[in-house]
Amino acid sequence: MTPNSTSRQRAAPTGVFSPQLLATGSVLGSLVVLLPIVAVVWLAFSRSGADPTAGTGALSHLFGTVLPRYTITTGKLAAMVLAVVLWIGVSTGWLVAAFDFPGRRALSWMLVLPLSTPAFVMAYAYTDFLASYGALQRGFRALTGLQVGEYWFPDVHSWPAAGLFLGLALYPYVYLLARAAFTDRSESLAEAARSLGLSRRRTWWRITWPVARPAVVAGCALALMETLADFGTVAYFSVDSFTAGIYRAWQAMGDRVGAARLATMLLVLVVGLLLVERGQRGRMQFHVRNPRPAPRIRLRGAAALRATLACALPVVFGFALPATLLVVEWIGGGAALDARLVDWIRNTAILAGGGVAVVLPGALVATYAARLASGPLLRGALLLANTGYALPGVVLGVGLLILSGALDRALAPFTAALGVPALFAGGSAVACVYAYAVRFFPVAYQSIDSGLARISPSMDQSARSLGRRPLQVLREIHWPLMRRSVGAAALLVFIDCLKELPATLVLRPFDFDTLAVVTYQFAADERLAEAALPALVIVLVGVIPVVWLSRVALSQRQ
């Protein structure tokens, strides 16, 4: 036996950390994502009640009444959000990447701050400011002497307003990807195009924009998926979107089959959006040969002022003004410090911490399994698991309620014999954490995978040749190099769990309110002064990871 063969035998993985066992566990874990979807689709195509024609009648009723309205309204809302995120995200990304102007360094990371403000929180803050009883219209009436009804003012409770606030909250998805793409553009290609007689504007459209378009399309897909999944904003503004209709059918009308069918149709829309985005990426393959970033152009005078204002206004209207309005509303509204705030924070921390505790180890195992034993089955399973982010929270909530109800019925003989209530009646914290794990696993996986991909495989081979097992390689080599990425993944998952509303609203136990839930409930009851404090806590907690992550990303390019 040669020394090399002895070394390979000594390095062979054994025990619970073998690549094959990791891959098997990752495949089985990925299949968990399918369970809520299967439950929703099964109920959608089942017959409801004792009447064998009830299912068909419910479907005909949906097509004849609410479905056209939900489809049209959701389409208009998505179009509005798409226009806002494209306009703000692409323009600010191009300005920050291509030009140098006063305040650029600070604004380059401040433009990400609206990501810490949930759209429904922004909607609540602006409603109290823009409504007929708000400060803006009161000041206008005091200046002009006009009364309500004697002048025109746009209706705040409408789908255009909901689309605008969603766009202000979601444009950082497009901005981040567009900025990275524009920063990595090749100046030599642009110079070659201009030498052939193309103007700067035509060069941008024919050379720069096609290279950045795949990244922009990916950012728009993320923003649109968040729009389809939003519940708090559309419910508060009484916008008849799919998510509001699903929640209304399930909770208010008790129509489980109708809610499942609406959820299935929304799921079809989301899958179609994913297929369009993947198809765009597949057809557009662009590679920049020169990795050296193009130099930024120094702006002066009026041009510099316009660039500063263009980048500052989204920060003002997407973060600074809503946060200020919440503070003013809380202080000026005279709402006392609610004694239940500590309980709300504790409940939120329990659920968000549980989500991180489940998602992070699963993402670590999956990424390491893909590095050690990547195969077609594992790649397919991980692709399936990474579609969880595209599932709206309300769809996951409906699916998990169906599963928990079936489990309660299966365990009914045992719970009755023991004299205990149904385990999942009224929701459970376990179901909430399950929904978080399904929806936010891709967030952790992508962050950890990007950090692990930066570690050369030759380091693994060197360590293995010295007799180190996979777990030892992970602990001694990979972990010191990737712990920053793991920390970023933990922060991202925590803030996403903190902001998640529809799944928590549907699945939480009785009398187990979180910050997002009480903010929605107070605002729905028009108790905006009381909603301001929990909303402020959400924003302030969300700022910490957003600022840290954006500044870390920018430190590599400044």
Protein backbone atom coordinates (compact mmCIF):
# COMPACT_ATOMS: atom_id res chain seq x y z
CA MET A 1 0.00 0.00 0.00
CA THR A 2 1.43 3.35 -1.02
CA PRO A 3 1.60 6.38 1.31
CA ASN A 4 -0.85 8.23 -0.90
CA SER A 5 -3.43 5.47 -0.65
CA THR A 6 -2.96 5.34 3.12
CA SER A 7 -3.53 9.07 3.29
CA ARG A 8 -6.66 8.80 1.19
CA GLN A 9 -8.03 6.05 3.46
CA ARG A 10 -7.28 8.09 6.54
CA ALA A 11 -9.07 11.09 4.99
CA ALA A 12 -12.09 9.09 3.93
CA PRO A 13 -15.17 10.51 5.57
CA THR A 14 -16.95 8.28 8.04
CA GLY A 15 -19.74 8.65 10.53
CA VAL A 16 -22.51 11.16 10.55
CA PHE A 17 -20.52 13.72 8.58
CA SER A 18 -20.01 11.65 5.43
CA PRO A 19 -20.77 13.47 2.17
CA GLN A 20 -23.30 10.81 1.17
CA LEU A 21 -25.23 11.17 4.43
CA LEU A 22 -25.11 14.95 4.17
CA ALA A 23 -26.45 14.79 0.62
CA THR A 24 -29.24 12.41 1.66
CA GLY A 25 -30.25 14.67 4.54
CA SER A 26 -30.22 17.70 2.26
CA VAL A 27 -32.45 15.97 -0.28
CA LEU A 28 -34.94 14.89 2.40
CA GLY A 29 -34.89 18.37 3.94
CA SER A 30 -35.52 19.96 0.56
CA LEU A 31 -38.63 17.82 0.10
CA VAL A 32 -40.11 19.46 3.20
CA VAL A 33 -40.65 22.55 1.04
CA LEU A 34 -43.16 20.56 -1.01
CA LEU A 35 -45.47 19.66 1.88
CA PRO A 36 -47.37 22.98 2.20
CA ILE A 37 -47.64 23.26 -1.60
CA VAL A 38 -48.98 19.71 -1.91
CA ALA A 39 -51.50 20.40 0.86
CA VAL A 40 -52.79 23.56 -0.84
CA VAL A 41 -53.08 21.92 -4.27
CA TRP A 42 -54.75 18.82 -2.80
CA LEU A 43 -57.42 20.90 -1.04
CA ALA A 44 -57.88 23.10 -4.11
CA PHE A 45 -58.79 20.11 -6.28
CA SER A 46 -60.74 18.19 -3.65
CA ARG A 47 -64.52 18.15 -3.29
CA SER A 48 -65.76 20.31 -0.46
CA GLY A 49 -68.41 19.19 1.96
CA ALA A 50 -70.90 16.42 1.45
CA ASP A 51 -72.13 17.79 -1.87
CA PRO A 52 -69.99 16.21 -4.62
CA THR A 53 -70.56 19.23 -6.88
CA ALA A 54 -69.57 21.80 -4.27
CA GLY A 55 -65.99 21.94 -5.46
CA THR A 56 -67.00 22.69 -9.05
CA GLY A 57 -69.50 25.27 -7.88
CA ALA A 58 -66.90 27.04 -5.77
CA LEU A 59 -64.53 27.15 -8.72
CA SER A 60 -67.22 28.56 -11.02
CA HIS A 61 -68.09 31.12 -8.37
CA LEU A 62 -64.46 32.26 -8.18
CA PHE A 63 -64.17 32.66 -11.94
CA GLY A 64 -67.47 34.48 -12.15
CA THR A 65 -67.01 36.89 -9.26
CA VAL A 66 -63.75 37.71 -7.50
CA LEU A 67 -61.05 36.14 -9.67
CA PRO A 68 -61.13 38.70 -12.53
CA ARG A 69 -61.02 41.55 -10.02
CA TYR A 70 -58.15 40.01 -8.06
CA THR A 71 -56.19 39.35 -11.26
CA ILE A 72 -56.62 42.84 -12.69
CA THR A 73 -55.88 44.59 -9.40
CA THR A 74 -52.81 42.45 -8.72
CA GLY A 75 -51.58 43.14 -12.27
CA LYS A 76 -52.00 46.90 -11.87
CA LEU A 77 -50.27 46.82 -8.50
CA ALA A 78 -47.34 44.83 -9.92
CA ALA A 79 -47.03 47.23 -12.86
CA MET A 80 -46.92 50.21 -10.52
CA VAL A 81 -44.26 48.61 -8.34
CA LEU A 82 -42.23 47.63 -11.41
CA ALA A 83 -42.27 51.21 -12.71
CA VAL A 84 -41.14 52.63 -9.34
CA VAL A 85 -38.34 50.13 -8.67
CA LEU A 86 -37.02 50.41 -12.22
CA TRP A 87 -37.02 54.21 -12.20
CA ILE A 88 -35.37 54.59 -8.78
CA GLY A 89 -33.18 51.47 -8.74
CA VAL A 90 -31.61 51.84 -12.19
CA SER A 91 -31.11 55.61 -12.04
CA THR A 92 -29.54 55.65 -8.57
CA GLY A 93 -27.47 52.55 -9.32
CA TRP A 94 -26.06 54.22 -12.45
CA LEU A 95 -25.35 57.53 -10.70
CA VAL A 96 -23.52 55.89 -7.78
CA ALA A 97 -21.51 53.56 -10.04
CA ALA A 98 -20.59 55.95 -12.84
CA PHE A 99 -20.27 59.41 -11.28
CA ASP A 100 -18.63 61.17 -8.36
CA PHE A 101 -20.68 63.90 -6.68
CA PRO A 102 -21.10 65.42 -3.19
CA GLY A 103 -22.45 62.87 -0.72
CA ARG A 104 -21.97 59.88 -3.02
CA ARG A 105 -20.16 57.71 -0.46
CA ALA A 106 -22.80 58.20 2.22
CA LEU A 107 -25.74 57.95 -0.16
CA SER A 108 -24.37 54.77 -1.74
CA TRP A 109 -25.17 52.83 1.48
CA MET A 110 -28.06 55.01 2.69
CA LEU A 111 -29.99 54.08 -0.46
CA VAL A 112 -30.35 50.58 1.03
CA LEU A 113 -32.04 51.83 4.23
CA PRO A 114 -35.66 51.52 2.94
CA LEU A 115 -35.08 47.76 2.92
CA SER A 116 -35.33 47.90 6.73
CA THR A 117 -38.80 49.48 6.61
CA PRO A 118 -41.65 47.06 5.83
CA ALA A 119 -44.01 48.43 3.21
CA PHE A 120 -47.00 48.16 5.51
CA VAL A 121 -45.20 50.26 8.15
CA MET A 122 -44.44 52.89 5.52
CA ALA A 123 -48.08 52.85 4.44
CA TYR A 124 -49.30 53.45 8.00
CA ALA A 125 -46.89 56.34 8.52
CA TYR A 126 -47.83 58.11 5.28
CA THR A 127 -51.56 57.57 5.71
CA ASP A 128 -51.74 59.64 8.87
CA PHE A 129 -49.68 62.36 7.15
CA LEU A 130 -51.52 62.48 3.80
CA ALA A 131 -55.13 61.77 4.83
CA SER A 132 -57.73 64.54 5.05
CA TYR A 133 -57.16 64.77 8.82
CA GLY A 134 -53.36 64.64 8.42
CA ALA A 135 -50.82 67.40 8.88
CA LEU A 136 -50.28 68.06 5.15
CA GLN A 137 -53.91 68.72 4.24
CA ARG A 138 -54.60 70.59 7.50
CA GLY A 139 -51.72 72.92 6.69
CA PHE A 140 -52.97 73.37 3.12
CA ARG A 141 -56.46 74.25 4.32
CA ALA A 142 -55.05 76.72 6.84
CA LEU A 143 -53.06 78.47 4.09
CA THR A 144 -55.78 78.56 1.43
CA GLY A 145 -58.97 78.74 3.49
CA LEU A 146 -60.46 75.86 1.48
CA GLN A 147 -62.44 73.06 3.07
CA VAL A 148 -62.48 69.32 2.47
CA GLY A 149 -64.19 68.65 -0.84
CA GLU A 150 -63.34 72.06 -2.31
CA TYR A 151 -59.97 70.90 -3.67
CA TRP A 152 -58.61 67.72 -5.23
CA PHE A 153 -56.16 65.49 -3.41
CA PRO A 154 -55.20 61.94 -4.43
CA ASP A 155 -56.84 59.15 -2.48
CA VAL A 156 -54.33 57.52 -0.14
CA HIS A 157 -56.39 54.35 0.25
CA SER A 158 -55.96 53.16 -3.35
CA TRP A 159 -53.89 50.73 -5.38
CA PRO A 160 -51.60 53.45 -6.85
CA ALA A 161 -50.67 54.54 -3.32
CA ALA A 162 -50.08 50.92 -2.29
CA GLY A 163 -47.89 50.42 -5.37
CA LEU A 164 -45.92 53.59 -4.65
CA PHE A 165 -45.18 52.61 -1.03
CA LEU A 166 -44.29 49.06 -2.02
CA GLY A 167 -41.95 50.46 -4.70
CA LEU A 168 -40.26 52.78 -2.19
CA ALA A 169 -39.69 49.84 0.15
CA LEU A 170 -38.51 47.38 -2.52
CA TYR A 171 -36.37 49.44 -4.93
CA PRO A 172 -33.13 48.50 -3.03
CA TYR A 173 -33.36 45.02 -4.60
CA VAL A 174 -32.90 46.59 -8.05
CA TYR A 175 -30.48 49.26 -6.83
CA LEU A 176 -28.05 46.78 -5.27
CA LEU A 177 -27.87 44.53 -8.33
CA ALA A 178 -27.85 47.41 -10.83
CA ARG A 179 -25.08 49.21 -8.94
CA ALA A 180 -22.90 46.08 -8.94
CA ALA A 181 -23.51 45.50 -12.66
CA PHE A 182 -22.80 49.11 -13.62
CA THR A 183 -19.66 49.19 -11.45
CA ASP A 184 -18.26 46.14 -13.28
CA ARG A 185 -18.90 47.56 -16.74
CA SER A 186 -16.03 47.62 -19.22
CA GLU A 187 -14.93 51.11 -20.19
CA SER A 188 -13.00 49.78 -23.19
CA LEU A 189 -16.25 48.58 -24.83
CA ALA A 190 -17.82 52.01 -24.37
CA GLU A 191 -14.74 53.75 -25.77
CA ALA A 192 -14.76 51.44 -28.79
CA ALA A 193 -18.44 52.23 -29.41
CA ARG A 194 -17.85 55.98 -29.16
CA SER A 195 -14.88 55.70 -31.56
CA LEU A 196 -17.34 54.25 -34.10
CA GLY A 197 -19.49 57.36 -33.89
CA LEU A 198 -22.08 56.44 -31.23
CA SER A 199 -23.15 59.19 -28.86
CA ARG A 200 -22.93 58.69 -25.09
CA ARG A 201 -26.69 58.05 -24.85
CA ARG A 202 -26.69 55.47 -27.65
CA THR A 203 -23.58 53.86 -26.19
CA TRP A 204 -25.39 53.45 -22.85
CA TRP A 205 -28.44 51.84 -24.49
CA ARG A 206 -26.48 49.55 -26.82
CA ILE A 207 -23.43 48.63 -24.69
CA THR A 208 -23.90 49.39 -20.97
CA TRP A 209 -27.58 48.58 -20.49
CA PRO A 210 -27.58 45.11 -22.16
CA VAL A 211 -24.77 43.99 -19.84
CA ALA A 212 -26.64 45.17 -16.73
CA ARG A 213 -30.08 44.00 -17.87
CA PRO A 214 -29.90 40.43 -16.42
CA ALA A 215 -29.08 41.81 -12.98
CA VAL A 216 -31.89 44.37 -13.21
CA VAL A 217 -34.34 41.66 -14.30
CA ALA A 218 -33.34 39.55 -11.29
CA GLY A 219 -33.89 42.51 -8.95
CA CYS A 220 -37.28 43.25 -10.51
CA ALA A 221 -38.26 39.59 -10.08
CA LEU A 222 -37.43 39.79 -6.36
CA ALA A 223 -39.45 42.99 -5.99
CA LEU A 224 -42.43 41.51 -7.85
CA MET A 225 -42.38 38.35 -5.75
CA GLU A 226 -42.43 40.48 -2.61
CA THR A 227 -45.34 42.44 -4.10
CA LEU A 228 -47.32 39.27 -4.77
CA ALA A 229 -46.57 38.10 -1.22
CA ASP A 230 -47.48 41.40 0.49
CA PHE A 231 -50.50 41.37 2.75
CA GLY A 232 -50.26 44.24 5.25
CA THR A 233 -50.20 47.08 2.72
CA VAL A 234 -52.96 45.78 0.45
CA ALA A 235 -55.18 44.80 3.37
CA TYR A 236 -54.82 48.22 5.02
CA PHE A 237 -55.62 50.04 1.77
CA SER A 238 -58.48 47.62 0.96
CA VAL A 239 -56.84 46.61 -2.32
CA ASP A 240 -58.41 43.44 -3.74
CA SER A 241 -55.21 41.53 -4.46
CA PHE A 242 -54.74 37.77 -4.31
CA THR A 243 -53.14 37.77 -0.85
CA ALA A 244 -55.92 39.86 0.70
CA GLY A 245 -58.53 37.67 -1.01
CA ILE A 246 -56.92 34.45 0.25
CA TYR A 247 -56.82 35.71 3.84
CA ARG A 248 -60.38 37.02 3.63
CA ALA A 249 -61.70 33.74 2.21
CA TRP A 250 -59.94 31.63 4.84
CA GLN A 251 -60.40 33.72 7.99
CA ALA A 252 -63.50 35.86 7.43
CA MET A 253 -65.64 33.67 5.16
CA GLY A 254 -64.47 30.24 6.32
CA ASP A 255 -64.13 29.08 2.69
CA ARG A 256 -61.11 26.79 2.94
CA VAL A 257 -61.49 25.38 -0.57
CA GLY A 258 -61.91 28.82 -2.14
CA ALA A 259 -58.83 30.08 -0.27
CA ALA A 260 -56.83 27.06 -1.42
CA ARG A 261 -57.87 27.62 -5.04
CA LEU A 262 -56.92 31.29 -4.88
CA ALA A 263 -53.61 30.29 -3.29
CA THR A 264 -53.00 27.79 -6.10
CA MET A 265 -53.66 30.45 -8.73
CA LEU A 266 -51.29 32.85 -6.96
CA LEU A 267 -48.70 30.09 -6.84
CA VAL A 268 -49.07 29.61 -10.61
CA LEU A 269 -48.40 33.34 -11.08
CA VAL A 270 -45.28 33.16 -8.90
CA VAL A 271 -43.93 30.10 -10.72
CA GLY A 272 -44.59 31.81 -14.05
CA LEU A 273 -42.65 34.85 -12.86
CA LEU A 274 -39.73 32.63 -11.83
CA LEU A 275 -39.73 30.88 -15.20
CA VAL A 276 -39.71 34.22 -17.04
CA GLU A 277 -36.80 35.45 -14.89
CA ARG A 278 -34.80 32.25 -15.42
CA GLY A 279 -35.55 32.34 -19.15
CA GLN A 280 -34.26 35.91 -19.36
CA ARG A 281 -31.07 34.90 -17.59
CA GLY A 282 -30.65 31.88 -19.83
CA ARG A 283 -30.93 33.87 -23.06
CA MET A 284 -28.76 36.78 -21.97
CA GLN A 285 -25.21 35.74 -21.26
CA PHE A 286 -22.79 38.65 -20.95
CA HIS A 287 -19.22 38.51 -19.74
CA VAL A 288 -16.94 41.44 -19.06
CA ARG A 289 -13.38 40.67 -20.15
CA ASN A 290 -11.80 43.57 -18.27
CA PRO A 291 -12.37 43.15 -14.52
CA ARG A 292 -10.97 46.60 -13.73
CA PRO A 293 -13.89 48.92 -12.85
CA ALA A 294 -14.39 51.92 -15.09
CA PRO A 295 -13.37 55.26 -13.57
CA ARG A 296 -16.13 57.50 -12.23
CA ILE A 297 -16.79 60.88 -13.84
CA ARG A 298 -16.58 63.89 -11.52
CA LEU A 299 -19.73 66.03 -11.65
CA ARG A 300 -19.71 69.72 -10.82
CA GLY A 301 -22.21 72.54 -10.47
CA ALA A 302 -25.84 71.92 -11.35
CA ALA A 303 -25.17 68.39 -12.58
CA ALA A 304 -23.65 67.43 -9.22
CA LEU A 305 -26.60 68.98 -7.36
CA ARG A 306 -29.11 67.06 -9.49
CA ALA A 307 -27.26 63.79 -8.89
CA THR A 308 -27.18 64.38 -5.12
CA LEU A 309 -30.90 65.19 -5.04
CA ALA A 310 -31.78 62.20 -7.22
CA CYS A 311 -30.04 59.86 -4.77
CA ALA A 312 -31.18 61.66 -1.61
CA LEU A 313 -34.91 61.81 -2.38
CA PRO A 314 -35.48 58.01 -2.28
CA VAL A 315 -33.72 57.91 1.11
CA VAL A 316 -35.86 60.77 2.40
CA PHE A 317 -39.21 59.40 1.20
CA GLY A 318 -38.36 55.72 1.67
CA PHE A 319 -36.80 55.89 5.15
CA ALA A 320 -36.18 59.25 6.83
CA LEU A 321 -39.68 60.73 6.46
CA PRO A 322 -41.62 57.55 7.46
CA ALA A 323 -39.38 57.08 10.52
CA THR A 324 -39.86 60.74 11.48
CA LEU A 325 -43.63 60.49 11.02
CA LEU A 326 -43.75 57.43 13.27
CA VAL A 327 -41.83 59.26 16.01
CA VAL A 328 -44.11 62.32 15.72
CA GLU A 329 -47.21 60.13 15.70
CA TRP A 330 -46.13 58.26 18.80
CA ILE A 331 -45.12 61.36 20.76
CA GLY A 332 -47.89 63.65 19.52
CA GLY A 333 -50.61 61.00 19.67
CA GLY A 334 -50.36 60.77 23.42
CA ALA A 335 -50.21 56.98 23.40
CA ALA A 336 -48.80 55.62 26.63
CA LEU A 337 -46.01 53.08 26.65
CA ASP A 338 -47.87 49.81 26.29
CA ALA A 339 -46.99 47.36 29.04
CA ARG A 340 -47.33 44.52 26.53
CA LEU A 341 -44.41 45.83 24.44
CA VAL A 342 -41.97 43.57 26.29
CA ASP A 343 -44.18 40.56 25.53
CA TRP A 344 -44.40 41.51 21.85
CA ILE A 345 -40.63 41.89 21.61
CA ARG A 346 -40.14 38.56 23.42
CA ASN A 347 -42.58 36.75 21.12
CA THR A 348 -40.94 38.26 18.05
CA ALA A 349 -37.49 37.29 19.30
CA ILE A 350 -38.65 33.73 20.01
CA LEU A 351 -40.09 33.21 16.53
CA ALA A 352 -37.30 35.03 14.67
CA GLY A 353 -34.64 33.31 16.77
CA GLY A 354 -36.31 29.96 16.15
CA GLY A 355 -36.29 30.69 12.42
CA VAL A 356 -32.56 31.45 12.51
CA ALA A 357 -31.86 28.37 14.66
CA VAL A 358 -33.59 26.12 12.11
CA VAL A 359 -32.54 27.80 8.87
CA LEU A 360 -28.86 28.42 9.57
CA PRO A 361 -27.79 24.81 10.37
CA GLY A 362 -29.86 23.55 7.45
CA ALA A 363 -28.21 26.01 5.08
CA LEU A 364 -24.74 25.10 6.41
CA VAL A 365 -25.38 21.38 5.91
CA ALA A 366 -26.81 21.93 2.42
CA THR A 367 -23.97 24.16 1.20
CA TYR A 368 -21.31 21.84 2.60
CA ALA A 369 -23.02 18.78 1.12
CA ALA A 370 -23.10 20.51 -2.28
CA ARG A 371 -19.35 21.18 -1.96
CA LEU A 372 -18.45 17.62 -0.96
CA ALA A 373 -20.86 15.45 -2.94
CA SER A 374 -22.61 17.43 -5.64
CA GLY A 375 -24.80 15.28 -7.86
CA PRO A 376 -27.88 15.71 -10.09
CA LEU A 377 -30.30 14.63 -7.34
CA LEU A 378 -28.79 17.00 -4.76
CA ARG A 379 -28.65 19.90 -7.21
CA GLY A 380 -32.30 19.36 -8.15
CA ALA A 381 -33.35 19.16 -4.50
CA LEU A 382 -31.48 22.35 -3.61
CA LEU A 383 -33.02 24.11 -6.60
CA LEU A 384 -36.43 23.12 -5.27
CA ALA A 385 -35.58 24.29 -1.76
CA ASN A 386 -34.37 27.64 -3.09
CA THR A 387 -37.78 28.37 -4.61
CA GLY A 388 -39.22 28.74 -1.10
CA TYR A 389 -38.53 32.47 -1.09
CA ALA A 390 -40.95 32.85 -3.99
CA LEU A 391 -43.81 31.34 -1.95
CA PRO A 392 -46.04 34.04 -0.47
CA GLY A 393 -46.41 33.80 3.30
CA VAL A 394 -50.18 33.52 3.05
CA VAL A 395 -49.84 30.47 0.77
CA LEU A 396 -47.47 28.84 3.25
CA GLY A 397 -49.88 29.70 6.06
CA VAL A 398 -52.83 28.09 4.31
CA GLY A 399 -50.79 24.99 3.45
CA LEU A 400 -49.50 24.56 6.99
CA LEU A 401 -52.97 25.05 8.48
CA ILE A 402 -54.18 22.23 6.24
CA LEU A 403 -51.28 20.01 7.35
CA SER A 404 -51.72 20.83 11.05
CA GLY A 405 -55.46 20.17 10.81
CA ALA A 406 -54.82 16.77 9.22
CA LEU A 407 -52.25 15.97 11.91
CA ASP A 408 -54.68 16.95 14.67
CA ARG A 409 -57.33 14.68 13.19
CA ALA A 410 -54.86 11.81 12.95
CA LEU A 411 -53.82 12.27 16.59
CA ALA A 412 -57.35 12.88 17.86
CA PRO A 413 -57.78 9.37 19.42
CA PHE A 414 -54.56 9.79 21.41
CA THR A 415 -55.21 13.37 22.54
CA ALA A 416 -58.79 12.44 23.55
CA ALA A 417 -57.55 9.47 25.56
CA LEU A 418 -55.01 11.67 27.34
CA GLY A 419 -57.57 14.42 27.90
CA VAL A 420 -55.44 17.12 26.23
CA PRO A 421 -56.55 19.60 23.55
CA ALA A 422 -55.52 19.35 19.92
CA LEU A 423 -51.84 20.06 19.54
CA PHE A 424 -52.08 22.58 16.69
CA ALA A 425 -55.57 24.02 17.20
CA GLY A 426 -55.38 27.80 16.77
CA GLY A 427 -51.89 27.72 15.32
CA SER A 428 -48.52 27.06 16.90
CA ALA A 429 -45.06 28.56 17.19
CA VAL A 430 -43.68 25.44 15.51
CA ALA A 431 -45.81 26.12 12.42
CA CYS A 432 -44.56 29.73 12.31
CA VAL A 433 -40.93 28.61 12.48
CA TYR A 434 -41.63 25.98 9.82
CA ALA A 435 -43.03 28.67 7.51
CA TYR A 436 -40.00 30.89 8.16
CA ALA A 437 -37.65 27.99 7.41
CA VAL A 438 -39.35 27.20 4.09
CA ARG A 439 -39.52 30.82 2.97
CA PHE A 440 -36.13 32.12 4.13
CA PHE A 441 -33.88 29.10 3.62
CA PRO A 442 -32.74 30.53 0.22
CA VAL A 443 -31.62 33.76 1.92
CA ALA A 444 -29.21 31.87 4.20
CA TYR A 445 -28.18 29.37 1.55
CA GLN A 446 -27.18 32.00 -1.01
CA SER A 447 -25.20 34.02 1.53
CA ILE A 448 -23.31 31.02 2.93
CA ASP A 449 -22.75 29.49 -0.50
CA SER A 450 -21.21 32.73 -1.79
CA GLY A 451 -18.80 32.78 1.15
CA LEU A 452 -17.87 29.11 0.75
CA ALA A 453 -17.37 29.53 -3.01
CA ARG A 454 -14.59 32.06 -2.37
CA ILE A 455 -12.51 29.36 -0.62
CA SER A 456 -10.27 27.50 -3.08
CA PRO A 457 -10.89 23.73 -3.33
CA SER A 458 -7.12 23.25 -3.22
CA MET A 459 -7.23 24.16 0.48
CA ASP A 460 -9.68 21.30 1.06
CA GLN A 461 -7.46 18.90 -0.85
CA SER A 462 -4.37 19.93 1.10
CA ALA A 463 -6.14 19.48 4.43
CA ARG A 464 -7.59 16.11 3.41
CA SER A 465 -4.17 14.88 2.27
CA LEU A 466 -2.94 15.61 5.81
CA GLY A 467 -5.60 13.35 7.27
CA ARG A 468 -8.28 15.90 8.19
CA ARG A 469 -11.89 14.75 8.01
CA PRO A 470 -14.64 16.95 6.52
CA LEU A 471 -15.79 18.17 9.93
CA GLN A 472 -12.24 19.10 10.86
CA VAL A 473 -11.76 20.90 7.54
CA LEU A 474 -14.94 22.84 8.17
CA ARG A 475 -13.93 23.77 11.72
CA GLU A 476 -10.26 24.60 11.12
CA ILE A 477 -10.25 26.08 7.60
CA HIS A 478 -13.68 26.95 6.28
CA TRP A 479 -15.28 28.42 9.38
CA PRO A 480 -12.63 31.15 10.02
CA LEU A 481 -12.90 32.23 6.37
CA MET A 482 -16.69 32.12 6.03
CA ARG A 483 -17.98 33.15 9.44
CA ARG A 484 -18.60 36.67 8.15
CA SER A 485 -20.92 35.24 5.50
CA VAL A 486 -22.65 33.07 8.13
CA GLY A 487 -23.15 36.13 10.32
CA ALA A 488 -24.61 38.03 7.39
CA ALA A 489 -26.96 35.11 6.67
CA ALA A 490 -28.11 35.03 10.30
CA LEU A 491 -28.84 38.78 10.29
CA LEU A 492 -30.73 38.61 6.99
CA VAL A 493 -32.88 35.69 8.11
CA PHE A 494 -33.60 37.36 11.46
CA ILE A 495 -34.77 40.62 9.88
CA ASP A 496 -36.88 38.77 7.30
CA CYS A 497 -38.55 36.78 10.09
CA LEU A 498 -39.04 40.00 12.03
CA LYS A 499 -40.91 41.63 9.11
CA GLU A 500 -42.93 38.57 8.00
CA LEU A 501 -46.62 39.33 8.53
CA PRO A 502 -49.06 37.04 6.63
CA ALA A 503 -47.59 33.70 7.71
CA THR A 504 -47.32 34.88 11.32
CA LEU A 505 -50.83 36.30 11.26
CA VAL A 506 -52.29 33.01 10.04
CA LEU A 507 -50.17 30.54 12.03
CA ARG A 508 -49.38 32.14 15.39
CA PRO A 509 -50.94 30.69 18.56
CA PHE A 510 -53.80 32.47 20.27
CA ASP A 511 -52.70 35.50 22.29
CA PHE A 512 -49.15 35.26 20.89
CA ASP A 513 -48.71 38.58 19.11
CA THR A 514 -45.51 39.81 17.48
CA LEU A 515 -44.43 43.35 16.61
CA ALA A 516 -45.57 42.96 12.99
CA VAL A 517 -48.95 41.52 14.01
CA VAL A 518 -49.80 44.20 16.59
CA THR A 519 -48.67 46.95 14.20
CA TYR A 520 -51.08 45.60 11.59
CA GLN A 521 -53.92 45.16 14.11
CA PHE A 522 -53.56 48.64 15.59
CA ALA A 523 -53.40 50.25 12.15
CA ALA A 524 -56.38 48.23 10.90
CA ASP A 525 -58.35 49.63 13.86
CA GLU A 526 -57.15 53.18 12.97
CA ARG A 527 -55.15 53.34 16.22
CA LEU A 528 -52.11 54.74 14.45
CA ALA A 529 -50.57 56.35 17.54
CA GLU A 530 -50.46 52.95 19.23
CA ALA A 531 -49.18 51.28 16.06
CA ALA A 532 -46.27 53.76 15.84
CA LEU A 533 -44.16 52.32 18.66
CA PRO A 534 -44.02 48.65 17.54
CA ALA A 535 -43.50 49.87 13.97
CA LEU A 536 -40.56 51.99 15.12
CA VAL A 537 -39.03 49.01 16.89
CA ILE A 538 -39.24 46.98 13.67
CA VAL A 539 -37.55 49.77 11.69
CA LEU A 540 -34.80 50.39 14.25
CA VAL A 541 -33.96 46.70 14.59
CA GLY A 542 -33.97 46.34 10.81
CA VAL A 543 -31.56 49.23 10.30
CA ILE A 544 -28.69 47.46 12.08
CA PRO A 545 -28.16 44.54 9.66
CA VAL A 546 -29.00 46.64 6.61
CA VAL A 547 -26.37 49.29 7.41
CA TRP A 548 -23.76 46.70 8.33
CA LEU A 549 -24.30 44.60 5.23
CA SER A 550 -24.43 47.54 2.83
CA ARG A 551 -21.26 49.11 4.22
CA VAL A 552 -19.39 45.79 4.14
CA ALA A 553 -20.39 45.31 0.51
CA LEU A 554 -19.34 48.83 -0.41
CA SER A 555 -16.01 48.67 1.44
CA GLN A 556 -14.75 46.33 -1.27
CA ARG A 557 -15.43 48.88 -4.02
CA GLN A 558 -14.81 52.31 -2.54
